[in-house]
PDB file of N, CA and C in Angstrom:
ATOM      1  N   MET A   1      -5.399   0.278 -10.689  1.00  0.00           N
ATOM      2  CA  MET A   1      -5.495  -0.333  -9.531  1.00  0.00           C
ATOM      3  C   MET A   1      -6.846   0.350  -8.977  1.00  0.00           C
ATOM      4  N   ALA A   2      -7.805  -0.431  -8.687  1.00  0.00           N
ATOM      5  CA  ALA A   2      -8.941   0.013  -8.081  1.00  0.00           C
ATOM      6  C   ALA A   2      -8.986  -0.750  -6.477  1.00  0.00           C
ATOM      7  N   SER A   3      -8.025  -0.560  -5.826  1.00  0.00           N
ATOM      8  CA  SER A   3      -7.861  -1.288  -4.513  1.00  0.00           C
ATOM      9  C   SER A   3      -8.208  -0.019  -3.515  1.00  0.00           C
ATOM     10  N   PRO A   4      -8.911  -0.268  -2.559  1.00  0.00           N
ATOM     11  CA  PRO A   4      -9.168   0.555  -1.268  1.00  0.00           C
ATOM     12  C   PRO A   4      -7.841   1.156  -0.796  1.00  0.00           C
ATOM     13  N   PRO A   5      -7.954   2.683  -0.390  1.00  0.00           N
ATOM     14  CA  PRO A   5      -6.844   3.067  -0.029  1.00  0.00           C
ATOM     15  C   PRO A   5      -6.008   2.737   1.114  1.00  0.00           C
ATOM     16  N   HIS A   6      -6.877   2.220   1.948  1.00  0.00           N
ATOM     17  CA  HIS A   6      -5.930   1.368   3.260  1.00  0.00           C
ATOM     18  C   HIS A   6      -5.179   0.207   2.971  1.00  0.00           C
ATOM     19  N   VAL A   7      -5.723  -0.375   1.783  1.00  0.00           N
ATOM     20  CA  VAL A   7      -4.988  -1.467   1.436  1.00  0.00           C
ATOM     21  C   VAL A   7      -3.799  -1.148   0.686  1.00  0.00           C
ATOM     22  N   ASP A   8      -4.065  -0.336  -0.143  1.00  0.00           N
ATOM     23  CA  ASP A   8      -2.724   0.253  -0.803  1.00  0.00           C
ATOM     24  C   ASP A   8      -1.703   0.939   0.044  1.00  0.00           C
ATOM     25  N   ASP A   9      -2.206   1.851   1.086  1.00  0.00           N
ATOM     26  CA  ASP A   9      -1.444   2.272   1.954  1.00  0.00           C
ATOM     27  C   ASP A   9      -0.335   1.142   2.433  1.00  0.00           C
ATOM     28  N   SER A  10      -1.005   0.025   2.931  1.00  0.00           N
ATOM     29  CA  SER A  10      -0.098  -0.889   3.729  1.00  0.00           C
ATOM     30  C   SER A  10       0.883  -1.451   2.517  1.00  0.00           C
ATOM     31  N   LEU A  11       0.444  -1.688   1.517  1.00  0.00           N
ATOM     32  CA  LEU A  11       1.377  -2.091   0.376  1.00  0.00           C
ATOM     33  C   LEU A  11       2.423  -1.236   0.066  1.00  0.00           C
ATOM     34  N   ILE A  12       2.085   0.033   0.213  1.00  0.00           N
ATOM     35  CA  ILE A  12       3.116   1.108  -0.181  1.00  0.00           C
ATOM     36  C   ILE A  12       4.094   1.127   1.011  1.00  0.00           C
ATOM     37  N   ASP A  13       3.556   1.222   2.244  1.00  0.00           N
ATOM     38  CA  ASP A  13       4.570   1.150   3.551  1.00  0.00           C
ATOM     39  C   ASP A  13       5.318   0.105   3.355  1.00  0.00           C
ATOM     40  N   MET A  14       4.758  -0.891   3.176  1.00  0.00           N
ATOM     41  CA  MET A  14       5.834  -2.181   3.047  1.00  0.00           C
ATOM     42  C   MET A  14       6.802  -1.897   2.182  1.00  0.00           C
ATOM     43  N   MET A  15       6.618  -1.425   0.893  1.00  0.00           N
ATOM     44  CA  MET A  15       7.572  -1.481  -0.008  1.00  0.00           C
ATOM     45  C   MET A  15       8.436   0.008   0.173  1.00  0.00           C
ATOM     46  N   ALA A  16       7.991   0.783   0.879  1.00  0.00           N
ATOM     47  CA  ALA A  16       8.659   2.148   1.247  1.00  0.00           C
ATOM     48  C   ALA A  16       9.846   1.592   2.298  1.00  0.00           C
ATOM     49  N   LEU A  17       9.445   0.731   3.099  1.00  0.00           N
ATOM     50  CA  LEU A  17      10.235   0.155   4.013  1.00  0.00           C
ATOM     51  C   LEU A  17      11.288  -0.728   3.648  1.00  0.00           C
ATOM     52  N   ILE A  18      11.070  -1.381   2.759  1.00  0.00           N
ATOM     53  CA  ILE A  18      12.130  -2.358   1.800  1.00  0.00           C
ATOM     54  C   ILE A  18      13.029  -1.438   0.925  1.00  0.00           C
TER      55      ILE A  18
END
């Protein structure tokens, strides 16, 4: 995964909430 940290954080945050 070579995506920016801010984008990863957003996705991880959503996944963590679910």
